[in-house]
Amino acid sequence: MNLVFSISLLSTSLLVAQDFTKDIALEKEETSGSRFFDDKDGYFDIGSFLDKPYGFYPMVMPITEPAVGYGAAIVPVFIKRPEGQKRPNFYAAGAMKTENGTEGIFGGYAGYHFDEKLHIQSFITTTSVNLDFHGLGSSLIPGGRSLQYNLDLTGAQLGGNWQIADSPWKVGMHYFYGTVDTSLNRSSDATLLPPQLDLPTLGIETTFSSIKTNVLYDTRDNIFTPTKGQFSELSITWNDALLGASDNFQILNLQTLQYKPLIKDTLYLGLQAKASHSFGDTPFYRQPFIGLRGAPAMRY
C-alpha cells in the first residue's frame, strides 16, 4: 500500500498564441481567401484548413522525460466540429520514439454526443518502454544503482464522462484491457535486488482488466490554454480477476489544477496538486510515484 502526494507549479507564462478553442467554437464564414490566414486581421489561422474534410493539425511534441531520454512524438490531429456543436471532436494517430529505445504507436478519439452531455474518450496503443528500477519506498537497491527493465504494453481503453445538468460536475466510467510483458534488459543483474523486494510480475505477461469510475469538476475557460478556472478529479481504478485480470488491486487518485490571471491578457499562473494511493497486489510499475518535471518517472 503506497501513498504519494505532490504539489507542483504548472506554468507561469506569457500568452503569445491565440485561443484555438474559442476560434473552433465560433461559427466560421465561408471566404475565398487563404486557408492559413484570417481574412479579417491577417494573422495565421488554420481554422479554415481544419474545416476541410482533409484538414488536420500536424503536431510534433518533443519528449524530454529523463526516464526515457530525449525523443519526439508525431501526431496528426484531426479536429472536426459537427454542425450545431460548440465543442470539437478529435481524432488522432501517431508514433513516438526516444533515445533509450522506447517506442510506440497509438490512436485515439475524443468527442461529444447527446447535446454535448457525454464526452467519449478512447485510445489503443502498442508501446515498448525502457525504464530503470531503483526500488520501492525505503527498499532501495544499494549504492544508488538500478535495474534496466522493459515494458511491452498492448491495450485499449473506452469510456466517457456525463455532465450533470448544466453544472460543471461530471461523472464517468472507463474500461481498460491490455497485456504487459515485463523483462530485464540483458545488461541488468537481478542479484542487485535486496531480499525484501519481491517482484512477482517480473519476467511474465500480466493481463489488466480495469474499470475506473470518476467524478470531476471543471470551470476552466478552455481546455487548450486555460487562463482561469479549476479542474479537479477524484477517481478509483479497480483491477480484478473477476474481470479477467491477473491481479487484484485498486488505485485511488485525486488531482486538482488551478489557473489564475496575474496580469490581464499577459501573465497567468497554473498550480497542480496530486495524491495517489494503491491497495492490494499492485505491480511495481503501477505503484504511485512523484511526477515532477526534471525528476525521472517512477524514480521516487
C-alpha atoms as a PDB file:
ATOM      1  CA  MET A   1       0.000   0.000   0.000  1.00  0.00           C
ATOM      2  CA  ASN A   2       1.604   3.257  -1.104  1.00  0.00           C
ATOM      3  CA  LEU A   3       0.680   6.927  -0.871  1.00  0.00           C
ATOM      4  CA  VAL A   4       2.213   9.671  -2.961  1.00  0.00           C
ATOM      5  CA  PHE A   5       1.391  13.373  -2.649  1.00  0.00           C
ATOM      6  CA  SER A   6       2.876  16.183  -4.701  1.00  0.00           C
ATOM      7  CA  ILE A   7       2.313  19.859  -5.419  1.00  0.00           C
ATOM      8  CA  SER A   8       3.799  21.480  -8.494  1.00  0.00           C
ATOM      9  CA  LEU A   9       3.894  24.751 -10.372  1.00  0.00           C
ATOM     10  CA  LEU A  10       2.305  24.077 -13.736  1.00  0.00           C
ATOM     11  CA  SER A  11       3.236  27.252 -15.522  1.00  0.00           C
ATOM     12  CA  THR A  12       3.797  30.956 -15.304  1.00  0.00           C
ATOM     13  CA  SER A  13       3.786  32.091 -18.873  1.00  0.00           C
ATOM     14  CA  LEU A  14       3.145  34.889 -21.292  1.00  0.00           C
ATOM     15  CA  LEU A  15       0.175  34.372 -23.564  1.00  0.00           C
ATOM     16  CA  VAL A  16       1.536  34.707 -27.097  1.00  0.00           C
ATOM     17  CA  ALA A  17      -0.792  32.456 -29.087  1.00  0.00           C
ATOM     18  CA  GLN A  18      -4.438  32.859 -29.896  1.00  0.00           C
ATOM     19  CA  ASP A  19      -7.083  30.732 -28.174  1.00  0.00           C
ATOM     20  CA  PHE A  20      -7.846  27.976 -30.689  1.00  0.00           C
ATOM     21  CA  THR A  21     -10.700  26.602 -28.581  1.00  0.00           C
ATOM     22  CA  LYS A  22     -12.742  29.766 -28.926  1.00  0.00           C
ATOM     23  CA  ASP A  23     -11.908  30.021 -32.630  1.00  0.00           C
ATOM     24  CA  ILE A  24     -13.105  26.479 -33.277  1.00  0.00           C
ATOM     25  CA  ALA A  25     -16.252  27.019 -31.236  1.00  0.00           C
ATOM     26  CA  LEU A  26     -17.293  30.056 -33.247  1.00  0.00           C
ATOM     27  CA  GLU A  27     -19.194  29.804 -36.486  1.00  0.00           C
ATOM     28  CA  LYS A  28     -16.882  30.481 -39.436  1.00  0.00           C
ATOM     29  CA  GLU A  29     -17.948  32.322 -42.521  1.00  0.00           C
ATOM     30  CA  GLU A  30     -17.079  30.929 -45.960  1.00  0.00           C
ATOM     31  CA  THR A  31     -14.396  33.043 -47.600  1.00  0.00           C
ATOM     32  CA  SER A  32     -12.327  32.876 -50.749  1.00  0.00           C
ATOM     33  CA  GLY A  33      -9.088  33.908 -49.027  1.00  0.00           C
ATOM     34  CA  SER A  34      -6.133  31.937 -47.741  1.00  0.00           C
ATOM     35  CA  ARG A  35      -6.702  28.704 -45.819  1.00  0.00           C
ATOM     36  CA  PHE A  36      -3.915  29.553 -43.366  1.00  0.00           C
ATOM     37  CA  PHE A  37      -4.502  33.259 -42.657  1.00  0.00           C
ATOM     38  CA  ASP A  38      -7.521  35.098 -41.320  1.00  0.00           C
ATOM     39  CA  ASP A  39      -9.143  37.364 -43.923  1.00  0.00           C
ATOM     40  CA  LYS A  40     -10.121  39.962 -41.324  1.00  0.00           C
ATOM     41  CA  ASP A  41      -6.933  40.518 -39.293  1.00  0.00           C
ATOM     42  CA  GLY A  42      -4.312  38.815 -41.478  1.00  0.00           C
ATOM     43  CA  TYR A  43      -2.955  36.648 -38.632  1.00  0.00           C
ATOM     44  CA  PHE A  44      -2.025  32.982 -39.007  1.00  0.00           C
ATOM     45  CA  ASP A  45      -5.175  30.878 -38.519  1.00  0.00           C
ATOM     46  CA  ILE A  46      -5.594  27.226 -39.533  1.00  0.00           C
ATOM     47  CA  GLY A  47      -9.315  27.165 -38.762  1.00  0.00           C
ATOM     48  CA  SER A  48     -10.388  27.217 -42.432  1.00  0.00           C
ATOM     49  CA  PHE A  49      -7.999  24.379 -43.249  1.00  0.00           C
ATOM     50  CA  LEU A  50      -9.281  22.298 -40.323  1.00  0.00           C
ATOM     51  CA  ASP A  51     -12.849  22.750 -41.547  1.00  0.00           C
ATOM     52  CA  LYS A  52     -11.966  20.849 -44.735  1.00  0.00           C
ATOM     53  CA  PRO A  53     -12.539  17.056 -44.821  1.00  0.00           C
ATOM     54  CA  TYR A  54      -8.782  16.501 -45.111  1.00  0.00           C
ATOM     55  CA  GLY A  55      -7.765  19.190 -42.620  1.00  0.00           C
ATOM     56  CA  PHE A  56      -5.545  18.181 -39.709  1.00  0.00           C
ATOM     57  CA  TYR A  57      -3.128  19.742 -37.231  1.00  0.00           C
ATOM     58  CA  PRO A  58       0.394  18.260 -37.697  1.00  0.00           C
ATOM     59  CA  MET A  59       1.517  18.100 -34.084  1.00  0.00           C
ATOM     60  CA  VAL A  60       5.152  17.298 -33.250  1.00  0.00           C
ATOM     61  CA  MET A  61       5.728  17.013 -29.500  1.00  0.00           C
ATOM     62  CA  PRO A  62       9.254  16.900 -28.050  1.00  0.00           C
ATOM     63  CA  ILE A  63       9.853  14.310 -25.316  1.00  0.00           C
ATOM     64  CA  THR A  64      12.175  15.454 -22.517  1.00  0.00           C
ATOM     65  CA  GLU A  65      11.340  12.838 -19.860  1.00  0.00           C
ATOM     66  CA  PRO A  66      14.648  11.923 -18.096  1.00  0.00           C
ATOM     67  CA  ALA A  67      13.493   8.325 -17.581  1.00  0.00           C
ATOM     68  CA  VAL A  68      13.428   7.585 -21.324  1.00  0.00           C
ATOM     69  CA  GLY A  69      15.684  10.307 -22.762  1.00  0.00           C
ATOM     70  CA  TYR A  70      15.053  12.846 -25.490  1.00  0.00           C
ATOM     71  CA  GLY A  71      12.721  11.993 -28.327  1.00  0.00           C
ATOM     72  CA  ALA A  72       9.623  13.081 -30.167  1.00  0.00           C
ATOM     73  CA  ALA A  73       6.036  12.082 -30.911  1.00  0.00           C
ATOM     74  CA  ILE A  74       4.467  12.832 -34.281  1.00  0.00           C
ATOM     75  CA  VAL A  75       0.686  13.051 -34.014  1.00  0.00           C
ATOM     76  CA  PRO A  76      -1.586  14.259 -36.838  1.00  0.00           C
ATOM     77  CA  VAL A  77      -4.719  15.527 -35.055  1.00  0.00           C
ATOM     78  CA  PHE A  78      -7.977  15.850 -36.995  1.00  0.00           C
ATOM     79  CA  ILE A  79     -10.337  18.393 -35.423  1.00  0.00           C
ATOM     80  CA  LYS A  80     -13.964  18.326 -36.540  1.00  0.00           C
ATOM     81  CA  ARG A  81     -16.963  20.266 -35.284  1.00  0.00           C
ATOM     82  CA  PRO A  82     -20.353  18.922 -36.408  1.00  0.00           C
ATOM     83  CA  GLU A  83     -22.945  21.491 -37.357  1.00  0.00           C
ATOM     84  CA  GLY A  84     -24.620  22.997 -34.313  1.00  0.00           C
ATOM     85  CA  GLN A  85     -21.981  21.679 -31.905  1.00  0.00           C
ATOM     86  CA  LYS A  86     -19.987  24.191 -29.842  1.00  0.00           C
ATOM     87  CA  ARG A  87     -17.063  21.957 -28.934  1.00  0.00           C
ATOM     88  CA  PRO A  88     -14.957  19.997 -31.449  1.00  0.00           C
ATOM     89  CA  ASN A  89     -14.278  16.280 -31.768  1.00  0.00           C
ATOM     90  CA  PHE A  90     -10.703  14.995 -32.046  1.00  0.00           C
ATOM     91  CA  TYR A  91      -9.240  12.050 -33.959  1.00  0.00           C
ATOM     92  CA  ALA A  92      -5.529  11.298 -33.691  1.00  0.00           C
ATOM     93  CA  ALA A  93      -2.953   8.650 -34.587  1.00  0.00           C
ATOM     94  CA  GLY A  94       0.776   8.801 -34.162  1.00  0.00           C
ATOM     95  CA  ALA A  95       4.094   7.301 -33.180  1.00  0.00           C
ATOM     96  CA  MET A  96       6.856   8.128 -30.708  1.00  0.00           C
ATOM     97  CA  LYS A  97      10.495   7.189 -30.148  1.00  0.00           C
ATOM     98  CA  THR A  98      13.202   8.207 -27.666  1.00  0.00           C
ATOM     99  CA  GLU A  99      16.957   7.859 -27.427  1.00  0.00           C
ATOM    100  CA  ASN A 100      16.854   4.911 -24.976  1.00  0.00           C
ATOM    101  CA  GLY A 101      14.858   2.761 -27.416  1.00  0.00           C
ATOM    102  CA  THR A 102      11.380   3.479 -26.078  1.00  0.00           C
ATOM    103  CA  GLU A 103       8.896   3.488 -28.951  1.00  0.00           C
ATOM    104  CA  GLY A 104       5.231   3.069 -29.671  1.00  0.00           C
ATOM    105  CA  ILE A 105       2.264   3.684 -31.930  1.00  0.00           C
ATOM    106  CA  PHE A 106      -1.177   4.817 -30.814  1.00  0.00           C
ATOM    107  CA  GLY A 107      -4.529   6.170 -31.877  1.00  0.00           C
ATOM    108  CA  GLY A 108      -7.349   7.899 -30.085  1.00  0.00           C
ATOM    109  CA  TYR A 109     -10.725   9.624 -30.275  1.00  0.00           C
ATOM    110  CA  ALA A 110     -12.402  12.200 -28.050  1.00  0.00           C
ATOM    111  CA  GLY A 111     -15.825  13.530 -28.964  1.00  0.00           C
ATOM    112  CA  TYR A 112     -19.108  14.913 -27.677  1.00  0.00           C
ATOM    113  CA  HIS A 113     -22.541  13.302 -28.074  1.00  0.00           C
ATOM    114  CA  PHE A 114     -26.127  13.692 -26.832  1.00  0.00           C
ATOM    115  CA  ASP A 115     -26.170  17.502 -26.975  1.00  0.00           C
ATOM    116  CA  GLU A 116     -22.587  17.531 -25.676  1.00  0.00           C
ATOM    117  CA  LYS A 117     -23.612  15.969 -22.360  1.00  0.00           C
ATOM    118  CA  LEU A 118     -21.492  12.859 -22.996  1.00  0.00           C
ATOM    119  CA  HIS A 119     -17.761  13.201 -23.611  1.00  0.00           C
ATOM    120  CA  ILE A 120     -16.391   9.934 -25.010  1.00  0.00           C
ATOM    121  CA  GLN A 121     -12.672   9.155 -24.800  1.00  0.00           C
ATOM    122  CA  SER A 122     -10.893   6.137 -26.273  1.00  0.00           C
ATOM    123  CA  PHE A 123      -7.423   5.035 -27.295  1.00  0.00           C
ATOM    124  CA  ILE A 124      -5.464   1.988 -28.485  1.00  0.00           C
ATOM    125  CA  THR A 125      -1.709   1.508 -28.279  1.00  0.00           C
ATOM    126  CA  THR A 126       1.208  -0.852 -28.560  1.00  0.00           C
ATOM    127  CA  THR A 127       4.282   0.507 -26.812  1.00  0.00           C
ATOM    128  CA  SER A 128       7.694  -0.695 -25.657  1.00  0.00           C
ATOM    129  CA  VAL A 129       9.131   1.329 -22.755  1.00  0.00           C
ATOM    130  CA  ASN A 130      12.639   1.027 -21.259  1.00  0.00           C
ATOM    131  CA  LEU A 131      12.904   2.206 -17.652  1.00  0.00           C
ATOM    132  CA  ASP A 132      15.148   1.991 -14.574  1.00  0.00           C
ATOM    133  CA  PHE A 133      14.033   0.320 -11.340  1.00  0.00           C
ATOM    134  CA  HIS A 134      15.594   1.838  -8.198  1.00  0.00           C
ATOM    135  CA  GLY A 135      13.430   0.136  -5.570  1.00  0.00           C
ATOM    136  CA  LEU A 136      10.148   0.649  -3.738  1.00  0.00           C
ATOM    137  CA  GLY A 137       9.670   3.010  -0.816  1.00  0.00           C
ATOM    138  CA  SER A 138      12.530   2.570   1.641  1.00  0.00           C
ATOM    139  CA  SER A 139      13.663  -0.689  -0.017  1.00  0.00           C
ATOM    140  CA  LEU A 140      16.206   0.677  -2.473  1.00  0.00           C
ATOM    141  CA  ILE A 141      18.928  -1.019  -4.493  1.00  0.00           C
ATOM    142  CA  PRO A 142      22.224  -0.305  -2.653  1.00  0.00           C
ATOM    143  CA  GLY A 143      24.731   2.208  -3.984  1.00  0.00           C
ATOM    144  CA  GLY A 144      22.189   4.203  -5.969  1.00  0.00           C
ATOM    145  CA  ARG A 145      22.280   1.523  -8.663  1.00  0.00           C
ATOM    146  CA  SER A 146      19.294   0.428 -10.754  1.00  0.00           C
ATOM    147  CA  LEU A 147      17.942  -2.383 -12.898  1.00  0.00           C
ATOM    148  CA  GLN A 148      17.081  -1.662 -16.512  1.00  0.00           C
ATOM    149  CA  TYR A 149      13.798  -3.290 -17.494  1.00  0.00           C
ATOM    150  CA  ASN A 150      11.349  -3.219 -20.376  1.00  0.00           C
ATOM    151  CA  LEU A 151       7.555  -2.974 -20.500  1.00  0.00           C
ATOM    152  CA  ASP A 152       5.815  -4.218 -23.651  1.00  0.00           C
ATOM    153  CA  LEU A 153       2.257  -2.886 -23.493  1.00  0.00           C
ATOM    154  CA  THR A 154      -0.646  -3.599 -25.817  1.00  0.00           C
ATOM    155  CA  GLY A 155      -4.043  -2.308 -24.783  1.00  0.00           C
ATOM    156  CA  ALA A 156      -7.131  -0.207 -25.389  1.00  0.00           C
ATOM    157  CA  GLN A 157      -9.494   1.932 -23.342  1.00  0.00           C
ATOM    158  CA  LEU A 158     -13.057   3.143 -23.862  1.00  0.00           C
ATOM    159  CA  GLY A 159     -15.043   5.393 -21.566  1.00  0.00           C
ATOM    160  CA  GLY A 160     -16.865   8.639 -21.093  1.00  0.00           C
ATOM    161  CA  ASN A 161     -17.923  11.423 -18.742  1.00  0.00           C
ATOM    162  CA  TRP A 162     -21.523  12.601 -18.380  1.00  0.00           C
ATOM    163  CA  GLN A 163     -22.281  16.231 -17.480  1.00  0.00           C
ATOM    164  CA  ILE A 164     -24.802  16.652 -14.661  1.00  0.00           C
ATOM    165  CA  ALA A 165     -27.481  19.097 -15.886  1.00  0.00           C
ATOM    166  CA  ASP A 166     -25.787  22.388 -16.818  1.00  0.00           C
ATOM    167  CA  SER A 167     -23.354  22.271 -13.901  1.00  0.00           C
ATOM    168  CA  PRO A 168     -19.527  21.979 -14.037  1.00  0.00           C
ATOM    169  CA  TRP A 169     -19.812  18.484 -12.466  1.00  0.00           C
ATOM    170  CA  LYS A 170     -19.351  15.266 -14.428  1.00  0.00           C
ATOM    171  CA  VAL A 171     -19.368  11.570 -13.562  1.00  0.00           C
ATOM    172  CA  GLY A 172     -17.666   8.937 -15.663  1.00  0.00           C
ATOM    173  CA  MET A 173     -16.680   5.329 -16.219  1.00  0.00           C
ATOM    174  CA  HIS A 174     -13.783   3.932 -18.264  1.00  0.00           C
ATOM    175  CA  TYR A 175     -12.735   0.385 -19.112  1.00  0.00           C
ATOM    176  CA  PHE A 176      -9.170  -0.673 -19.962  1.00  0.00           C
ATOM    177  CA  TYR A 177      -7.978  -4.050 -21.218  1.00  0.00           C
ATOM    178  CA  GLY A 178      -4.387  -4.860 -22.069  1.00  0.00           C
ATOM    179  CA  THR A 179      -1.349  -7.007 -21.503  1.00  0.00           C
ATOM    180  CA  VAL A 180       2.090  -6.041 -20.208  1.00  0.00           C
ATOM    181  CA  ASP A 181       5.187  -8.219 -20.664  1.00  0.00           C
ATOM    182  CA  THR A 182       7.890  -7.227 -18.169  1.00  0.00           C
ATOM    183  CA  SER A 183      11.514  -8.280 -18.656  1.00  0.00           C
ATOM    184  CA  LEU A 184      15.003  -7.290 -17.531  1.00  0.00           C
ATOM    185  CA  ASN A 185      17.350  -5.871 -20.141  1.00  0.00           C
ATOM    186  CA  ARG A 186      20.366  -8.053 -20.865  1.00  0.00           C
ATOM    187  CA  SER A 187      22.801  -5.773 -19.008  1.00  0.00           C
ATOM    188  CA  SER A 188      20.826  -5.928 -15.745  1.00  0.00           C
ATOM    189  CA  ASP A 189      21.744  -8.167 -12.838  1.00  0.00           C
ATOM    190  CA  ALA A 190      18.765  -9.386 -10.794  1.00  0.00           C
ATOM    191  CA  THR A 191      21.093 -10.202  -7.855  1.00  0.00           C
ATOM    192  CA  LEU A 192      21.164  -6.461  -7.146  1.00  0.00           C
ATOM    193  CA  LEU A 193      17.646  -6.700  -5.707  1.00  0.00           C
ATOM    194  CA  PRO A 194      17.502  -6.594  -1.888  1.00  0.00           C
ATOM    195  CA  PRO A 195      15.953  -9.741  -0.329  1.00  0.00           C
ATOM    196  CA  GLN A 196      12.893  -7.790   0.875  1.00  0.00           C
ATOM    197  CA  LEU A 197      11.991  -6.730  -2.681  1.00  0.00           C
ATOM    198  CA  ASP A 198       9.651  -9.207  -4.344  1.00  0.00           C
ATOM    199  CA  LEU A 199       8.761  -8.515  -7.989  1.00  0.00           C
ATOM    200  CA  PRO A 200       6.387 -11.367  -8.907  1.00  0.00           C
ATOM    201  CA  THR A 201       5.386  -9.735 -12.208  1.00  0.00           C
ATOM    202  CA  LEU A 202       8.978  -9.577 -13.496  1.00  0.00           C
ATOM    203  CA  GLY A 203       9.525 -11.910 -16.433  1.00  0.00           C
ATOM    204  CA  ILE A 204       5.862 -12.776 -17.022  1.00  0.00           C
ATOM    205  CA  GLU A 205       2.949 -11.379 -19.017  1.00  0.00           C
ATOM    206  CA  THR A 206       0.314  -9.651 -16.904  1.00  0.00           C
ATOM    207  CA  THR A 207      -3.268  -9.058 -18.015  1.00  0.00           C
ATOM    208  CA  PHE A 208      -5.043  -5.889 -16.964  1.00  0.00           C
ATOM    209  CA  SER A 209      -8.820  -5.583 -16.975  1.00  0.00           C
ATOM    210  CA  SER A 210      -9.766  -2.414 -15.136  1.00  0.00           C
ATOM    211  CA  ILE A 211     -12.812  -0.260 -14.519  1.00  0.00           C
ATOM    212  CA  LYS A 212     -12.226   3.346 -13.491  1.00  0.00           C
ATOM    213  CA  THR A 213     -15.009   5.458 -12.007  1.00  0.00           C
ATOM    214  CA  ASN A 214     -14.512   9.179 -11.568  1.00  0.00           C
ATOM    215  CA  VAL A 215     -16.106  12.452 -10.514  1.00  0.00           C
ATOM    216  CA  LEU A 216     -14.747  15.706 -11.903  1.00  0.00           C
ATOM    217  CA  TYR A 217     -15.331  19.437 -11.577  1.00  0.00           C
ATOM    218  CA  ASP A 218     -14.277  21.723 -14.426  1.00  0.00           C
ATOM    219  CA  THR A 219     -14.632  25.520 -14.645  1.00  0.00           C
ATOM    220  CA  ARG A 220     -11.666  26.213 -16.991  1.00  0.00           C
ATOM    221  CA  ASP A 221     -12.297  28.850 -19.648  1.00  0.00           C
ATOM    222  CA  ASN A 222     -10.905  26.458 -22.300  1.00  0.00           C
ATOM    223  CA  ILE A 223      -9.092  23.119 -22.489  1.00  0.00           C
ATOM    224  CA  PHE A 224      -6.079  24.066 -24.618  1.00  0.00           C
ATOM    225  CA  THR A 225      -4.690  27.203 -22.996  1.00  0.00           C
ATOM    226  CA  PRO A 226      -6.674  27.794 -19.806  1.00  0.00           C
ATOM    227  CA  THR A 227      -6.134  31.168 -18.149  1.00  0.00           C
ATOM    228  CA  LYS A 228      -8.617  30.897 -15.289  1.00  0.00           C
ATOM    229  CA  GLY A 229     -10.763  28.312 -13.552  1.00  0.00           C
ATOM    230  CA  GLN A 230     -10.316  24.968 -11.858  1.00  0.00           C
ATOM    231  CA  PHE A 231     -10.143  21.308 -12.840  1.00  0.00           C
ATOM    232  CA  SER A 232     -10.438  18.655 -10.109  1.00  0.00           C
ATOM    233  CA  GLU A 233     -10.930  14.907 -10.407  1.00  0.00           C
ATOM    234  CA  LEU A 234     -11.353  12.038  -7.945  1.00  0.00           C
ATOM    235  CA  SER A 235     -11.077   8.541  -9.406  1.00  0.00           C
ATOM    236  CA  ILE A 236     -10.700   4.935  -8.319  1.00  0.00           C
ATOM    237  CA  THR A 237      -9.497   2.145 -10.594  1.00  0.00           C
ATOM    238  CA  TRP A 238     -10.494  -1.460  -9.942  1.00  0.00           C
ATOM    239  CA  ASN A 239      -8.392  -4.234 -11.491  1.00  0.00           C
ATOM    240  CA  ASP A 240      -9.930  -7.608 -10.629  1.00  0.00           C
ATOM    241  CA  ALA A 241      -9.673 -11.273 -11.544  1.00  0.00           C
ATOM    242  CA  LEU A 242     -13.460 -11.323 -11.900  1.00  0.00           C
ATOM    243  CA  LEU A 243     -12.961  -9.061 -14.932  1.00  0.00           C
ATOM    244  CA  GLY A 244     -10.230 -11.288 -16.386  1.00  0.00           C
ATOM    245  CA  ALA A 245      -7.208  -9.579 -14.819  1.00  0.00           C
ATOM    246  CA  SER A 246      -4.130 -11.340 -13.460  1.00  0.00           C
ATOM    247  CA  ASP A 247      -4.010  -9.357 -10.200  1.00  0.00           C
ATOM    248  CA  ASN A 248      -6.426  -7.764  -7.761  1.00  0.00           C
ATOM    249  CA  PHE A 249      -5.609  -4.158  -6.860  1.00  0.00           C
ATOM    250  CA  GLN A 250      -7.116  -0.669  -6.633  1.00  0.00           C
ATOM    251  CA  ILE A 251      -5.661   2.782  -7.229  1.00  0.00           C
ATOM    252  CA  LEU A 252      -7.197   5.949  -5.751  1.00  0.00           C
ATOM    253  CA  ASN A 253      -6.273   9.255  -7.418  1.00  0.00           C
ATOM    254  CA  LEU A 254      -7.065  12.858  -6.567  1.00  0.00           C
ATOM    255  CA  GLN A 255      -5.785  15.783  -8.611  1.00  0.00           C
ATOM    256  CA  THR A 256      -6.618  19.458  -8.850  1.00  0.00           C
ATOM    257  CA  LEU A 257      -5.403  22.199 -11.199  1.00  0.00           C
ATOM    258  CA  GLN A 258      -5.947  25.902 -10.611  1.00  0.00           C
ATOM    259  CA  TYR A 259      -5.426  28.703 -13.146  1.00  0.00           C
ATOM    260  CA  LYS A 260      -5.349  32.371 -12.220  1.00  0.00           C
ATOM    261  CA  PRO A 261      -4.571  35.549 -14.209  1.00  0.00           C
ATOM    262  CA  LEU A 262      -1.745  37.588 -12.673  1.00  0.00           C
ATOM    263  CA  ILE A 263      -1.561  40.373 -15.257  1.00  0.00           C
ATOM    264  CA  LYS A 264      -4.605  40.746 -17.504  1.00  0.00           C
ATOM    265  CA  ASP A 265      -4.080  39.326 -21.013  1.00  0.00           C
ATOM    266  CA  THR A 266      -0.355  38.869 -20.323  1.00  0.00           C
ATOM    267  CA  LEU A 267       0.699  36.664 -17.386  1.00  0.00           C
ATOM    268  CA  TYR A 268      -1.050  33.609 -15.938  1.00  0.00           C
ATOM    269  CA  LEU A 269      -0.318  31.210 -13.088  1.00  0.00           C
ATOM    270  CA  GLY A 270      -1.039  27.474 -13.027  1.00  0.00           C
ATOM    271  CA  LEU A 271      -0.853  25.252  -9.934  1.00  0.00           C
ATOM    272  CA  GLN A 272      -1.285  21.494  -9.635  1.00  0.00           C
ATOM    273  CA  ALA A 273      -1.625  19.091  -6.698  1.00  0.00           C
ATOM    274  CA  LYS A 274      -1.902  15.290  -6.833  1.00  0.00           C
ATOM    275  CA  ALA A 275      -2.333  12.444  -4.373  1.00  0.00           C
ATOM    276  CA  SER A 276      -2.377   8.700  -5.144  1.00  0.00           C
ATOM    277  CA  HIS A 277      -2.899   5.598  -3.013  1.00  0.00           C
ATOM    278  CA  SER A 278      -2.645   1.968  -4.126  1.00  0.00           C
ATOM    279  CA  PHE A 279      -4.153  -1.114  -2.466  1.00  0.00           C
ATOM    280  CA  GLY A 280      -3.736  -4.850  -2.998  1.00  0.00           C
ATOM    281  CA  ASP A 281      -1.314  -6.656  -5.317  1.00  0.00           C
ATOM    282  CA  THR A 282      -0.336  -3.632  -7.394  1.00  0.00           C
ATOM    283  CA  PRO A 283       2.512  -4.391  -9.862  1.00  0.00           C
ATOM    284  CA  PHE A 284       5.664  -2.428  -9.088  1.00  0.00           C
ATOM    285  CA  TYR A 285       5.344  -0.366 -12.288  1.00  0.00           C
ATOM    286  CA  ARG A 286       1.795   0.716 -11.352  1.00  0.00           C
ATOM    287  CA  GLN A 287       2.760   1.929  -7.877  1.00  0.00           C
ATOM    288  CA  PRO A 288       2.200   5.675  -7.276  1.00  0.00           C
ATOM    289  CA  PHE A 289       5.259   7.831  -7.924  1.00  0.00           C
ATOM    290  CA  ILE A 290       6.160  11.508  -7.814  1.00  0.00           C
ATOM    291  CA  GLY A 291       5.775  13.108 -11.228  1.00  0.00           C
ATOM    292  CA  LEU A 292       7.639  16.419 -11.460  1.00  0.00           C
ATOM    293  CA  ARG A 293       9.387  17.971 -14.423  1.00  0.00           C
ATOM    294  CA  GLY A 294      13.088  17.107 -14.259  1.00  0.00           C
ATOM    295  CA  ALA A 295      12.550  14.072 -11.993  1.00  0.00           C
ATOM    296  CA  PRO A 296      12.696  10.706 -13.806  1.00  0.00           C
ATOM    297  CA  ALA A 297       9.320   8.930 -13.960  1.00  0.00           C
ATOM    298  CA  MET A 298       8.948   6.150 -11.373  1.00  0.00           C
ATOM    299  CA  ARG A 299      12.179   7.200  -9.629  1.00  0.00           C
ATOM    300  CA  TYR A 300      10.581   8.346  -6.344  1.00  0.00           C
END
